[in-house]
Amino acid sequence: MDSYMQRFLPSSLVKCASLLVVAIFVVGAAVAHAQDRAFTFDPPAEWLQETVSSPMRLAQFTLPRAEGDVEDAELVVFYFGGSGGTVEANLQRWTNQMVQPDGSQSADVATTTSFTVSDTAEEFPVTLLDVPGTYAAAVRPGSSMRYNKSNFRLRAAVVETPQGPYFFKLTGPNRTVLAWDAQFSEFLASVRFQ
C-alpha cells in the first residue's frame, strides 16, 4: 500500500478504499467476461439463414411459407450495442406497425407475455409481443413508403442481457407465423452466451 495513505489516512478509510478497489476489479472482470462471450441461439434446420443486410442485424432468417400463403415469413435478430430503447418503447413501436382492418387500435388486440430463459449461468428476462392485422411498417427507417400486407402477424421479443437488449422481430403471413410458433418459442429458449 502507498506509504502516503498509511501515514495520513485513518486505517478504516484505507481498508474501505482497498475494498472498493477490489470490488471494482471483480465487477470489471465479470463485465469483461460477459463481453468476451458471444450471444448465440439454435435456429431450426428448416429456417434459411440469410446474409444480414445491415450491421445492426445480428442474424436474419427466412421461415418457409405455410401451404396456401403467398410469401415466406422473416425473422431478424437486432443488436444495437447495448442500446435500442426501453422494452415498452419497442413494444409500442412494433404494435403501431400493425393496423386493424376494422379500424380498432392494434394495442387492443396485442398480447404480451413475459418469461425468463436460462443458460447454465444466467437468466434473461424475455418480453414477447404478438399482434395480428395488416403489416404497415415503413419500408425502411425514415421512409414515407409503407407496407400494406393484410392478414399478417408480428411476433417480436426483447431479451434483456448484461450486454444490453437483443431484439427479435418475426413478420409474415398469419398462417405461416402460427405454423412456426413452437419453433420460434424453442428458438427464444435457446439463447445463451458462449
N, C-alpha and C. Protein backbone atom coordinates (compact mmCIF):
# COMPACT_ATOMS: atom_id res chain seq x y z
N MET A 1 0.84 -1.17 0.00
CA MET A 1 0.00 0.00 0.00
C MET A 1 0.89 1.24 0.00
N ASP A 2 0.44 2.29 -0.61
CA ASP A 2 1.18 3.54 -0.70
C ASP A 2 1.47 4.09 0.69
N SER A 3 2.72 4.49 0.95
CA SER A 3 3.10 4.97 2.29
C SER A 3 2.38 6.26 2.64
N TYR A 4 2.03 7.09 1.65
CA TYR A 4 1.28 8.32 1.91
C TYR A 4 -0.07 7.97 2.55
N MET A 5 -0.75 6.97 1.96
CA MET A 5 -2.05 6.57 2.50
C MET A 5 -1.89 6.05 3.92
N GLN A 6 -0.84 5.28 4.18
CA GLN A 6 -0.66 4.72 5.52
C GLN A 6 -0.37 5.81 6.54
N ARG A 7 0.37 6.85 6.16
CA ARG A 7 0.74 7.90 7.11
C ARG A 7 -0.36 8.89 7.39
N PHE A 8 -1.17 9.25 6.39
CA PHE A 8 -2.07 10.39 6.56
C PHE A 8 -3.56 10.04 6.60
N LEU A 9 -3.94 8.84 6.29
CA LEU A 9 -5.35 8.48 6.31
C LEU A 9 -5.62 7.49 7.43
N PRO A 10 -6.79 7.61 8.05
CA PRO A 10 -7.14 6.65 9.10
C PRO A 10 -7.19 5.23 8.52
N SER A 11 -6.85 4.25 9.33
CA SER A 11 -6.79 2.87 8.85
C SER A 11 -8.14 2.38 8.34
N SER A 12 -9.25 2.82 8.94
CA SER A 12 -10.56 2.38 8.47
C SER A 12 -10.84 2.90 7.06
N LEU A 13 -10.39 4.11 6.77
CA LEU A 13 -10.58 4.67 5.43
C LEU A 13 -9.71 3.92 4.42
N VAL A 14 -8.50 3.57 4.83
CA VAL A 14 -7.61 2.81 3.95
C VAL A 14 -8.23 1.45 3.64
N LYS A 15 -8.82 0.79 4.65
CA LYS A 15 -9.46 -0.51 4.43
C LYS A 15 -10.64 -0.38 3.48
N CYS A 16 -11.46 0.68 3.66
CA CYS A 16 -12.61 0.90 2.77
C CYS A 16 -12.15 1.13 1.34
N ALA A 17 -11.11 1.94 1.19
CA ALA A 17 -10.59 2.21 -0.16
C ALA A 17 -10.07 0.93 -0.79
N SER A 18 -9.40 0.09 -0.01
CA SER A 18 -8.88 -1.18 -0.54
C SER A 18 -10.02 -2.09 -0.97
N LEU A 19 -11.08 -2.17 -0.16
CA LEU A 19 -12.24 -3.00 -0.52
C LEU A 19 -12.92 -2.48 -1.78
N LEU A 20 -13.00 -1.16 -1.91
CA LEU A 20 -13.61 -0.58 -3.10
C LEU A 20 -12.80 -0.92 -4.35
N VAL A 21 -11.49 -0.85 -4.27
CA VAL A 21 -10.65 -1.21 -5.41
C VAL A 21 -10.86 -2.67 -5.78
N VAL A 22 -10.92 -3.55 -4.80
CA VAL A 22 -11.15 -4.98 -5.06
C VAL A 22 -12.53 -5.17 -5.70
N ALA A 23 -13.56 -4.50 -5.17
CA ALA A 23 -14.92 -4.64 -5.71
C ALA A 23 -14.97 -4.17 -7.16
N ILE A 24 -14.34 -3.04 -7.46
CA ILE A 24 -14.32 -2.53 -8.83
C ILE A 24 -13.62 -3.53 -9.75
N PHE A 25 -12.54 -4.11 -9.29
CA PHE A 25 -11.82 -5.09 -10.09
C PHE A 25 -12.70 -6.31 -10.38
N VAL A 26 -13.39 -6.82 -9.37
CA VAL A 26 -14.23 -8.01 -9.54
C VAL A 26 -15.38 -7.72 -10.50
N VAL A 27 -16.06 -6.60 -10.33
CA VAL A 27 -17.18 -6.24 -11.22
C VAL A 27 -16.65 -6.04 -12.64
N GLY A 28 -15.54 -5.33 -12.77
CA GLY A 28 -14.95 -5.12 -14.10
C GLY A 28 -14.59 -6.43 -14.77
N ALA A 29 -14.05 -7.36 -14.03
CA ALA A 29 -13.68 -8.66 -14.60
C ALA A 29 -14.93 -9.42 -15.03
N ALA A 30 -16.00 -9.35 -14.25
CA ALA A 30 -17.25 -10.04 -14.61
C ALA A 30 -17.84 -9.45 -15.88
N VAL A 31 -17.84 -8.13 -16.00
CA VAL A 31 -18.38 -7.48 -17.21
C VAL A 31 -17.51 -7.84 -18.41
N ALA A 32 -16.20 -7.80 -18.26
CA ALA A 32 -15.31 -8.15 -19.36
C ALA A 32 -15.53 -9.60 -19.79
N HIS A 33 -15.75 -10.49 -18.81
CA HIS A 33 -16.00 -11.89 -19.14
C HIS A 33 -17.29 -12.02 -19.95
N ALA A 34 -18.36 -11.31 -19.54
CA ALA A 34 -19.63 -11.37 -20.26
C ALA A 34 -19.46 -10.84 -21.68
N GLN A 35 -18.63 -9.80 -21.85
CA GLN A 35 -18.45 -9.22 -23.17
C GLN A 35 -17.58 -10.08 -24.06
N ASP A 36 -16.78 -10.96 -23.49
CA ASP A 36 -15.93 -11.86 -24.28
C ASP A 36 -16.74 -13.00 -24.90
N ARG A 37 -17.89 -13.27 -24.34
CA ARG A 37 -18.69 -14.39 -24.82
C ARG A 37 -19.65 -13.92 -25.91
N ALA A 38 -19.94 -14.78 -26.85
CA ALA A 38 -20.83 -14.45 -27.97
C ALA A 38 -22.26 -14.85 -27.63
N PHE A 39 -23.19 -13.99 -28.02
CA PHE A 39 -24.61 -14.29 -27.89
C PHE A 39 -24.97 -15.24 -29.01
N THR A 40 -25.59 -16.36 -28.67
CA THR A 40 -25.87 -17.37 -29.68
C THR A 40 -27.25 -17.99 -29.44
N PHE A 41 -27.71 -18.74 -30.42
CA PHE A 41 -29.04 -19.37 -30.39
C PHE A 41 -29.04 -20.51 -31.38
N ASP A 42 -30.08 -21.35 -31.31
CA ASP A 42 -30.17 -22.53 -32.16
C ASP A 42 -31.41 -22.46 -33.06
N PRO A 43 -31.25 -22.01 -34.31
CA PRO A 43 -32.41 -21.96 -35.21
C PRO A 43 -32.76 -23.37 -35.71
N PRO A 44 -34.03 -23.60 -35.99
CA PRO A 44 -34.41 -24.89 -36.59
C PRO A 44 -33.74 -25.09 -37.94
N ALA A 45 -33.46 -26.31 -38.27
CA ALA A 45 -32.78 -26.63 -39.54
C ALA A 45 -33.59 -26.17 -40.75
N GLU A 46 -34.92 -26.09 -40.61
CA GLU A 46 -35.78 -25.71 -41.75
C GLU A 46 -35.72 -24.21 -42.07
N TRP A 47 -35.26 -23.40 -41.12
CA TRP A 47 -35.15 -21.96 -41.37
C TRP A 47 -33.93 -21.71 -42.24
N LEU A 48 -34.05 -20.79 -43.17
CA LEU A 48 -32.96 -20.46 -44.07
C LEU A 48 -32.24 -19.23 -43.53
N GLN A 49 -30.99 -19.39 -43.16
CA GLN A 49 -30.23 -18.24 -42.67
C GLN A 49 -29.79 -17.40 -43.85
N GLU A 50 -30.06 -16.11 -43.77
CA GLU A 50 -29.73 -15.17 -44.84
C GLU A 50 -28.51 -14.34 -44.45
N THR A 51 -27.89 -13.73 -45.44
CA THR A 51 -26.82 -12.77 -45.17
C THR A 51 -27.46 -11.52 -44.59
N VAL A 52 -26.93 -11.02 -43.49
CA VAL A 52 -27.52 -9.84 -42.87
C VAL A 52 -27.35 -8.64 -43.79
N SER A 53 -28.37 -7.78 -43.82
CA SER A 53 -28.36 -6.65 -44.73
C SER A 53 -28.01 -5.33 -44.05
N SER A 54 -27.60 -5.40 -42.78
CA SER A 54 -27.26 -4.20 -42.02
C SER A 54 -26.35 -4.60 -40.86
N PRO A 55 -25.44 -3.72 -40.45
CA PRO A 55 -24.59 -4.06 -39.31
C PRO A 55 -25.36 -4.17 -37.99
N MET A 56 -26.56 -3.63 -37.93
CA MET A 56 -27.39 -3.72 -36.72
C MET A 56 -28.11 -5.07 -36.63
N ARG A 57 -28.07 -5.84 -37.71
CA ARG A 57 -28.71 -7.15 -37.73
C ARG A 57 -27.69 -8.21 -37.35
N LEU A 58 -27.99 -8.90 -36.27
CA LEU A 58 -27.10 -9.96 -35.81
C LEU A 58 -27.33 -11.23 -36.63
N ALA A 59 -28.59 -11.47 -37.00
CA ALA A 59 -28.95 -12.65 -37.80
C ALA A 59 -30.26 -12.36 -38.51
N GLN A 60 -30.49 -13.11 -39.59
CA GLN A 60 -31.69 -12.92 -40.40
C GLN A 60 -32.07 -14.27 -40.99
N PHE A 61 -33.34 -14.63 -40.87
CA PHE A 61 -33.82 -15.94 -41.33
C PHE A 61 -35.07 -15.79 -42.18
N THR A 62 -35.22 -16.69 -43.15
CA THR A 62 -36.47 -16.85 -43.88
C THR A 62 -37.13 -18.11 -43.34
N LEU A 63 -38.41 -17.98 -42.94
CA LEU A 63 -39.19 -19.11 -42.46
C LEU A 63 -40.13 -19.51 -43.59
N PRO A 64 -39.96 -20.69 -44.16
CA PRO A 64 -40.75 -21.09 -45.32
C PRO A 64 -42.26 -20.98 -45.08
N ARG A 65 -42.94 -20.54 -46.10
CA ARG A 65 -44.38 -20.28 -46.02
C ARG A 65 -45.19 -21.55 -45.79
N ALA A 66 -46.31 -21.35 -45.11
CA ALA A 66 -47.27 -22.44 -44.92
C ALA A 66 -48.03 -22.64 -46.23
N GLU A 67 -48.56 -23.82 -46.41
CA GLU A 67 -49.32 -24.11 -47.62
C GLU A 67 -50.45 -23.11 -47.78
N GLY A 68 -50.56 -22.55 -48.97
CA GLY A 68 -51.61 -21.59 -49.26
C GLY A 68 -51.19 -20.14 -49.09
N ASP A 69 -50.09 -19.87 -48.39
CA ASP A 69 -49.62 -18.49 -48.24
C ASP A 69 -48.79 -18.10 -49.46
N VAL A 70 -48.78 -16.80 -49.77
CA VAL A 70 -48.09 -16.33 -50.97
C VAL A 70 -46.64 -15.91 -50.72
N GLU A 71 -46.24 -15.81 -49.45
CA GLU A 71 -44.85 -15.45 -49.18
C GLU A 71 -44.38 -16.07 -47.87
N ASP A 72 -43.06 -16.07 -47.71
CA ASP A 72 -42.42 -16.59 -46.52
C ASP A 72 -42.49 -15.55 -45.40
N ALA A 73 -42.16 -15.98 -44.19
CA ALA A 73 -42.02 -15.07 -43.06
C ALA A 73 -40.55 -14.71 -42.92
N GLU A 74 -40.28 -13.60 -42.23
CA GLU A 74 -38.91 -13.17 -42.00
C GLU A 74 -38.70 -12.96 -40.51
N LEU A 75 -37.56 -13.43 -40.02
CA LEU A 75 -37.16 -13.21 -38.64
C LEU A 75 -35.81 -12.51 -38.65
N VAL A 76 -35.74 -11.38 -37.94
CA VAL A 76 -34.49 -10.64 -37.83
C VAL A 76 -34.14 -10.50 -36.36
N VAL A 77 -32.87 -10.72 -36.03
CA VAL A 77 -32.35 -10.51 -34.69
C VAL A 77 -31.48 -9.26 -34.75
N PHE A 78 -31.85 -8.25 -33.93
CA PHE A 78 -31.14 -6.98 -33.91
C PHE A 78 -30.36 -6.84 -32.60
N TYR A 79 -29.22 -6.17 -32.70
CA TYR A 79 -28.46 -5.78 -31.51
C TYR A 79 -27.86 -4.41 -31.79
N PHE A 80 -28.12 -3.46 -30.90
CA PHE A 80 -27.69 -2.09 -31.09
C PHE A 80 -26.59 -1.69 -30.12
N GLY A 81 -25.72 -2.63 -29.79
CA GLY A 81 -24.59 -2.32 -28.93
C GLY A 81 -24.95 -1.98 -27.51
N GLY A 82 -26.06 -2.50 -27.04
CA GLY A 82 -26.47 -2.26 -25.65
C GLY A 82 -27.54 -1.20 -25.51
N SER A 83 -27.90 -0.53 -26.62
CA SER A 83 -28.98 0.46 -26.55
C SER A 83 -30.16 -0.05 -27.36
N GLY A 84 -31.02 0.82 -27.79
CA GLY A 84 -32.16 0.40 -28.60
C GLY A 84 -33.49 0.75 -27.99
N GLY A 85 -33.48 1.46 -26.87
CA GLY A 85 -34.74 1.88 -26.25
C GLY A 85 -35.25 0.89 -25.23
N THR A 86 -36.24 1.33 -24.50
CA THR A 86 -36.82 0.50 -23.45
C THR A 86 -37.68 -0.62 -24.06
N VAL A 87 -37.95 -1.61 -23.25
CA VAL A 87 -38.83 -2.69 -23.69
C VAL A 87 -40.18 -2.10 -24.10
N GLU A 88 -40.74 -1.23 -23.26
CA GLU A 88 -42.06 -0.66 -23.52
C GLU A 88 -42.09 0.15 -24.81
N ALA A 89 -41.04 0.95 -25.06
CA ALA A 89 -40.99 1.75 -26.28
C ALA A 89 -40.96 0.87 -27.52
N ASN A 90 -40.22 -0.23 -27.47
CA ASN A 90 -40.16 -1.14 -28.61
C ASN A 90 -41.48 -1.86 -28.81
N LEU A 91 -42.12 -2.28 -27.73
CA LEU A 91 -43.43 -2.94 -27.87
C LEU A 91 -44.43 -2.00 -28.52
N GLN A 92 -44.42 -0.74 -28.10
CA GLN A 92 -45.35 0.24 -28.67
C GLN A 92 -45.04 0.48 -30.15
N ARG A 93 -43.76 0.64 -30.48
CA ARG A 93 -43.37 0.88 -31.88
C ARG A 93 -43.80 -0.30 -32.76
N TRP A 94 -43.53 -1.52 -32.30
CA TRP A 94 -43.92 -2.69 -33.08
C TRP A 94 -45.44 -2.80 -33.22
N THR A 95 -46.15 -2.55 -32.13
CA THR A 95 -47.61 -2.62 -32.18
C THR A 95 -48.15 -1.63 -33.20
N ASN A 96 -47.56 -0.44 -33.27
CA ASN A 96 -48.01 0.59 -34.21
C ASN A 96 -47.66 0.26 -35.66
N GLN A 97 -46.85 -0.77 -35.89
CA GLN A 97 -46.55 -1.20 -37.26
C GLN A 97 -47.66 -2.09 -37.82
N MET A 98 -48.63 -2.41 -36.99
CA MET A 98 -49.77 -3.22 -37.42
C MET A 98 -51.03 -2.37 -37.37
N VAL A 99 -51.90 -2.55 -38.36
CA VAL A 99 -53.16 -1.82 -38.46
C VAL A 99 -54.28 -2.86 -38.47
N GLN A 100 -55.38 -2.54 -37.80
CA GLN A 100 -56.51 -3.47 -37.75
C GLN A 100 -57.50 -3.17 -38.86
N PRO A 101 -57.97 -4.20 -39.56
CA PRO A 101 -58.88 -3.99 -40.69
C PRO A 101 -60.19 -3.32 -40.30
N ASP A 102 -60.62 -3.49 -39.05
CA ASP A 102 -61.88 -2.88 -38.62
C ASP A 102 -61.68 -1.48 -38.05
N GLY A 103 -60.45 -0.96 -38.11
CA GLY A 103 -60.18 0.39 -37.61
C GLY A 103 -59.90 0.47 -36.12
N SER A 104 -59.98 -0.65 -35.41
CA SER A 104 -59.69 -0.62 -33.97
C SER A 104 -58.19 -0.45 -33.75
N GLN A 105 -57.80 -0.18 -32.53
CA GLN A 105 -56.40 0.01 -32.20
C GLN A 105 -55.70 -1.34 -32.09
N SER A 106 -54.50 -1.44 -32.65
CA SER A 106 -53.73 -2.69 -32.55
C SER A 106 -53.39 -3.00 -31.10
N ALA A 107 -53.24 -1.97 -30.27
CA ALA A 107 -52.95 -2.19 -28.85
C ALA A 107 -54.07 -2.98 -28.18
N ASP A 108 -55.28 -2.88 -28.71
CA ASP A 108 -56.42 -3.60 -28.12
C ASP A 108 -56.39 -5.09 -28.43
N VAL A 109 -55.70 -5.50 -29.49
CA VAL A 109 -55.64 -6.92 -29.84
C VAL A 109 -54.27 -7.54 -29.57
N ALA A 110 -53.28 -6.69 -29.27
CA ALA A 110 -51.93 -7.17 -29.00
C ALA A 110 -51.89 -7.90 -27.66
N THR A 111 -51.08 -8.93 -27.59
CA THR A 111 -50.85 -9.62 -26.31
C THR A 111 -49.35 -9.63 -26.02
N THR A 112 -49.02 -9.54 -24.75
CA THR A 112 -47.63 -9.66 -24.34
C THR A 112 -47.52 -10.74 -23.28
N THR A 113 -46.40 -11.41 -23.32
CA THR A 113 -46.09 -12.47 -22.36
C THR A 113 -44.67 -12.22 -21.86
N SER A 114 -44.46 -12.40 -20.59
CA SER A 114 -43.12 -12.26 -20.02
C SER A 114 -42.70 -13.58 -19.40
N PHE A 115 -41.43 -13.94 -19.60
CA PHE A 115 -40.87 -15.16 -19.03
C PHE A 115 -39.37 -15.00 -18.99
N THR A 116 -38.68 -15.99 -18.46
CA THR A 116 -37.22 -15.95 -18.47
C THR A 116 -36.69 -17.18 -19.20
N VAL A 117 -35.53 -17.00 -19.82
CA VAL A 117 -34.81 -18.13 -20.39
C VAL A 117 -33.49 -18.22 -19.65
N SER A 118 -32.96 -19.41 -19.53
CA SER A 118 -31.75 -19.63 -18.74
C SER A 118 -30.70 -20.36 -19.55
N ASP A 119 -29.46 -19.89 -19.39
CA ASP A 119 -28.36 -20.73 -19.83
C ASP A 119 -27.75 -21.30 -18.55
N THR A 120 -26.61 -21.88 -18.59
CA THR A 120 -26.08 -22.55 -17.40
C THR A 120 -25.78 -21.61 -16.26
N ALA A 121 -25.49 -20.34 -16.56
CA ALA A 121 -25.08 -19.42 -15.50
C ALA A 121 -26.01 -18.23 -15.29
N GLU A 122 -26.90 -17.95 -16.24
CA GLU A 122 -27.67 -16.72 -16.17
C GLU A 122 -29.12 -16.94 -16.58
N GLU A 123 -29.96 -16.02 -16.12
CA GLU A 123 -31.34 -15.97 -16.58
C GLU A 123 -31.55 -14.64 -17.29
N PHE A 124 -32.31 -14.68 -18.39
CA PHE A 124 -32.57 -13.48 -19.17
C PHE A 124 -34.08 -13.24 -19.23
N PRO A 125 -34.54 -12.08 -18.79
CA PRO A 125 -35.96 -11.75 -18.95
C PRO A 125 -36.31 -11.58 -20.43
N VAL A 126 -37.45 -12.11 -20.82
CA VAL A 126 -37.93 -12.01 -22.20
C VAL A 126 -39.35 -11.45 -22.17
N THR A 127 -39.61 -10.48 -23.04
CA THR A 127 -40.97 -9.98 -23.24
C THR A 127 -41.33 -10.25 -24.68
N LEU A 128 -42.44 -10.97 -24.87
CA LEU A 128 -42.87 -11.40 -26.20
C LEU A 128 -44.17 -10.70 -26.56
N LEU A 129 -44.22 -10.13 -27.75
CA LEU A 129 -45.40 -9.42 -28.27
C LEU A 129 -45.98 -10.22 -29.43
N ASP A 130 -47.31 -10.25 -29.51
CA ASP A 130 -47.99 -10.92 -30.63
C ASP A 130 -49.11 -10.00 -31.10
N VAL A 131 -49.07 -9.61 -32.40
CA VAL A 131 -50.09 -8.71 -32.95
C VAL A 131 -50.50 -9.18 -34.35
N PRO A 132 -51.76 -9.55 -34.55
CA PRO A 132 -52.24 -9.86 -35.89
C PRO A 132 -52.74 -8.57 -36.57
N GLY A 133 -52.95 -8.63 -37.88
CA GLY A 133 -53.53 -7.47 -38.58
C GLY A 133 -52.86 -7.26 -39.93
N THR A 134 -52.85 -6.00 -40.35
CA THR A 134 -52.20 -5.60 -41.60
C THR A 134 -50.85 -5.00 -41.25
N TYR A 135 -49.80 -5.56 -41.84
CA TYR A 135 -48.46 -5.06 -41.58
C TYR A 135 -48.27 -3.76 -42.37
N ALA A 136 -48.01 -2.66 -41.65
CA ALA A 136 -47.94 -1.34 -42.27
C ALA A 136 -46.71 -0.57 -41.82
N ALA A 137 -45.61 -1.26 -41.56
CA ALA A 137 -44.37 -0.60 -41.15
C ALA A 137 -43.76 0.15 -42.33
N ALA A 138 -42.90 1.11 -42.02
CA ALA A 138 -42.16 1.80 -43.07
C ALA A 138 -41.30 0.78 -43.82
N VAL A 139 -41.18 0.96 -45.13
CA VAL A 139 -40.40 0.04 -45.95
C VAL A 139 -38.94 0.02 -45.49
N ARG A 140 -38.42 1.17 -45.11
CA ARG A 140 -37.09 1.26 -44.47
C ARG A 140 -37.16 2.43 -43.51
N PRO A 141 -36.33 2.44 -42.47
CA PRO A 141 -36.39 3.51 -41.48
C PRO A 141 -36.33 4.89 -42.13
N GLY A 142 -37.27 5.75 -41.75
CA GLY A 142 -37.32 7.11 -42.26
C GLY A 142 -38.09 7.27 -43.56
N SER A 143 -38.50 6.17 -44.17
CA SER A 143 -39.21 6.22 -45.44
C SER A 143 -40.68 6.56 -45.23
N SER A 144 -41.25 7.30 -46.17
CA SER A 144 -42.69 7.57 -46.11
C SER A 144 -43.48 6.43 -46.75
N MET A 145 -42.80 5.56 -47.49
CA MET A 145 -43.47 4.40 -48.08
C MET A 145 -43.69 3.34 -47.01
N ARG A 146 -44.90 2.73 -47.03
CA ARG A 146 -45.24 1.75 -46.03
C ARG A 146 -45.70 0.46 -46.70
N TYR A 147 -45.44 -0.65 -45.99
CA TYR A 147 -46.01 -1.91 -46.43
C TYR A 147 -47.52 -1.87 -46.24
N ASN A 148 -48.22 -2.72 -46.97
CA ASN A 148 -49.67 -2.87 -46.80
C ASN A 148 -49.98 -4.36 -47.01
N LYS A 149 -49.61 -5.17 -46.01
CA LYS A 149 -49.74 -6.61 -46.13
C LYS A 149 -50.81 -7.11 -45.17
N SER A 150 -51.97 -7.42 -45.74
CA SER A 150 -53.09 -7.85 -44.91
C SER A 150 -52.93 -9.30 -44.47
N ASN A 151 -53.66 -9.64 -43.40
CA ASN A 151 -53.65 -10.99 -42.83
C ASN A 151 -52.23 -11.43 -42.45
N PHE A 152 -51.50 -10.50 -41.83
CA PHE A 152 -50.15 -10.75 -41.35
C PHE A 152 -50.14 -10.88 -39.84
N ARG A 153 -48.99 -11.25 -39.32
CA ARG A 153 -48.82 -11.35 -37.87
C ARG A 153 -47.40 -10.89 -37.56
N LEU A 154 -47.26 -10.16 -36.47
CA LEU A 154 -45.96 -9.72 -35.97
C LEU A 154 -45.78 -10.33 -34.59
N ARG A 155 -44.70 -11.06 -34.45
CA ARG A 155 -44.30 -11.58 -33.13
C ARG A 155 -42.91 -11.03 -32.90
N ALA A 156 -42.72 -10.39 -31.78
CA ALA A 156 -41.43 -9.77 -31.50
C ALA A 156 -41.09 -9.99 -30.04
N ALA A 157 -39.79 -10.07 -29.76
CA ALA A 157 -39.35 -10.31 -28.39
C ALA A 157 -38.15 -9.42 -28.08
N VAL A 158 -38.07 -9.03 -26.81
CA VAL A 158 -36.89 -8.36 -26.28
C VAL A 158 -36.29 -9.30 -25.25
N VAL A 159 -35.03 -9.65 -25.44
CA VAL A 159 -34.30 -10.48 -24.49
C VAL A 159 -33.30 -9.56 -23.80
N GLU A 160 -33.46 -9.39 -22.48
CA GLU A 160 -32.61 -8.49 -21.72
C GLU A 160 -31.40 -9.26 -21.17
N THR A 161 -30.20 -8.77 -21.49
CA THR A 161 -28.97 -9.43 -21.08
C THR A 161 -28.04 -8.42 -20.42
N PRO A 162 -26.96 -8.89 -19.79
CA PRO A 162 -25.97 -7.96 -19.22
C PRO A 162 -25.31 -7.08 -20.28
N GLN A 163 -25.28 -7.52 -21.53
CA GLN A 163 -24.70 -6.72 -22.61
C GLN A 163 -25.71 -5.76 -23.22
N GLY A 164 -26.92 -5.76 -22.72
CA GLY A 164 -27.98 -4.93 -23.29
C GLY A 164 -29.01 -5.80 -23.98
N PRO A 165 -30.09 -5.18 -24.47
CA PRO A 165 -31.18 -5.96 -25.06
C PRO A 165 -30.87 -6.45 -26.47
N TYR A 166 -31.40 -7.63 -26.77
CA TYR A 166 -31.41 -8.19 -28.11
C TYR A 166 -32.86 -8.22 -28.55
N PHE A 167 -33.11 -7.88 -29.82
CA PHE A 167 -34.47 -7.72 -30.33
C PHE A 167 -34.72 -8.75 -31.44
N PHE A 168 -35.83 -9.46 -31.34
CA PHE A 168 -36.22 -10.49 -32.30
C PHE A 168 -37.54 -10.06 -32.92
N LYS A 169 -37.57 -9.91 -34.25
CA LYS A 169 -38.79 -9.47 -34.92
C LYS A 169 -39.15 -10.45 -36.03
N LEU A 170 -40.30 -11.09 -35.87
CA LEU A 170 -40.81 -12.07 -36.83
C LEU A 170 -42.07 -11.49 -37.47
N THR A 171 -42.08 -11.38 -38.79
CA THR A 171 -43.26 -10.91 -39.52
C THR A 171 -43.52 -11.83 -40.69
N GLY A 172 -44.80 -12.00 -41.00
CA GLY A 172 -45.16 -12.82 -42.15
C GLY A 172 -46.64 -13.08 -42.17
N PRO A 173 -47.08 -13.83 -43.17
CA PRO A 173 -48.49 -14.19 -43.24
C PRO A 173 -48.92 -14.89 -41.95
N ASN A 174 -50.12 -14.59 -41.50
CA ASN A 174 -50.63 -15.10 -40.23
C ASN A 174 -50.46 -16.62 -40.12
N ARG A 175 -50.88 -17.35 -41.14
CA ARG A 175 -50.83 -18.82 -41.10
C ARG A 175 -49.39 -19.31 -40.98
N THR A 176 -48.47 -18.67 -41.70
CA THR A 176 -47.06 -19.07 -41.66
C THR A 176 -46.45 -18.82 -40.28
N VAL A 177 -46.70 -17.63 -39.74
CA VAL A 177 -46.15 -17.31 -38.42
C VAL A 177 -46.68 -18.28 -37.37
N LEU A 178 -47.99 -18.57 -37.43
CA LEU A 178 -48.57 -19.50 -36.46
C LEU A 178 -48.01 -20.93 -36.66
N ALA A 179 -47.73 -21.29 -37.90
CA ALA A 179 -47.17 -22.64 -38.16
C ALA A 179 -45.80 -22.80 -37.52
N TRP A 180 -45.04 -21.71 -37.38
CA TRP A 180 -43.70 -21.76 -36.80
C TRP A 180 -43.69 -21.36 -35.33
N ASP A 181 -44.84 -21.25 -34.71
CA ASP A 181 -44.93 -20.75 -33.33
C ASP A 181 -44.10 -21.57 -32.34
N ALA A 182 -44.23 -22.87 -32.35
CA ALA A 182 -43.49 -23.71 -31.39
C ALA A 182 -41.98 -23.60 -31.62
N GLN A 183 -41.56 -23.58 -32.88
CA GLN A 183 -40.13 -23.46 -33.18
C GLN A 183 -39.59 -22.08 -32.78
N PHE A 184 -40.40 -21.03 -32.94
CA PHE A 184 -39.96 -19.70 -32.53
C PHE A 184 -39.78 -19.67 -31.01
N SER A 185 -40.69 -20.28 -30.27
CA SER A 185 -40.55 -20.35 -28.81
C SER A 185 -39.30 -21.12 -28.41
N GLU A 186 -39.03 -22.24 -29.08
CA GLU A 186 -37.82 -23.01 -28.80
C GLU A 186 -36.56 -22.22 -29.15
N PHE A 187 -36.62 -21.46 -30.23
CA PHE A 187 -35.51 -20.61 -30.64
C PHE A 187 -35.19 -19.58 -29.55
N LEU A 188 -36.23 -18.91 -29.02
CA LEU A 188 -36.02 -17.94 -27.94
C LEU A 188 -35.45 -18.63 -26.70
N ALA A 189 -35.95 -19.83 -26.40
CA ALA A 189 -35.46 -20.55 -25.21
C ALA A 189 -34.01 -20.99 -25.35
N SER A 190 -33.48 -21.00 -26.58
CA SER A 190 -32.11 -21.46 -26.79
C SER A 190 -31.06 -20.36 -26.64
N VAL A 191 -31.46 -19.11 -26.43
CA VAL A 191 -30.47 -18.03 -26.37
C VAL A 191 -29.54 -18.21 -25.19
N ARG A 192 -28.26 -17.85 -25.43
CA ARG A 192 -27.24 -18.01 -24.39
C ARG A 192 -25.97 -17.28 -24.82
N PHE A 193 -25.06 -17.14 -23.88
CA PHE A 193 -23.73 -16.63 -24.18
C PHE A 193 -22.75 -17.80 -24.14
N GLN A 194 -21.83 -17.84 -25.09
CA GLN A 194 -20.81 -18.89 -25.12
C GLN A 194 -19.45 -18.26 -25.22
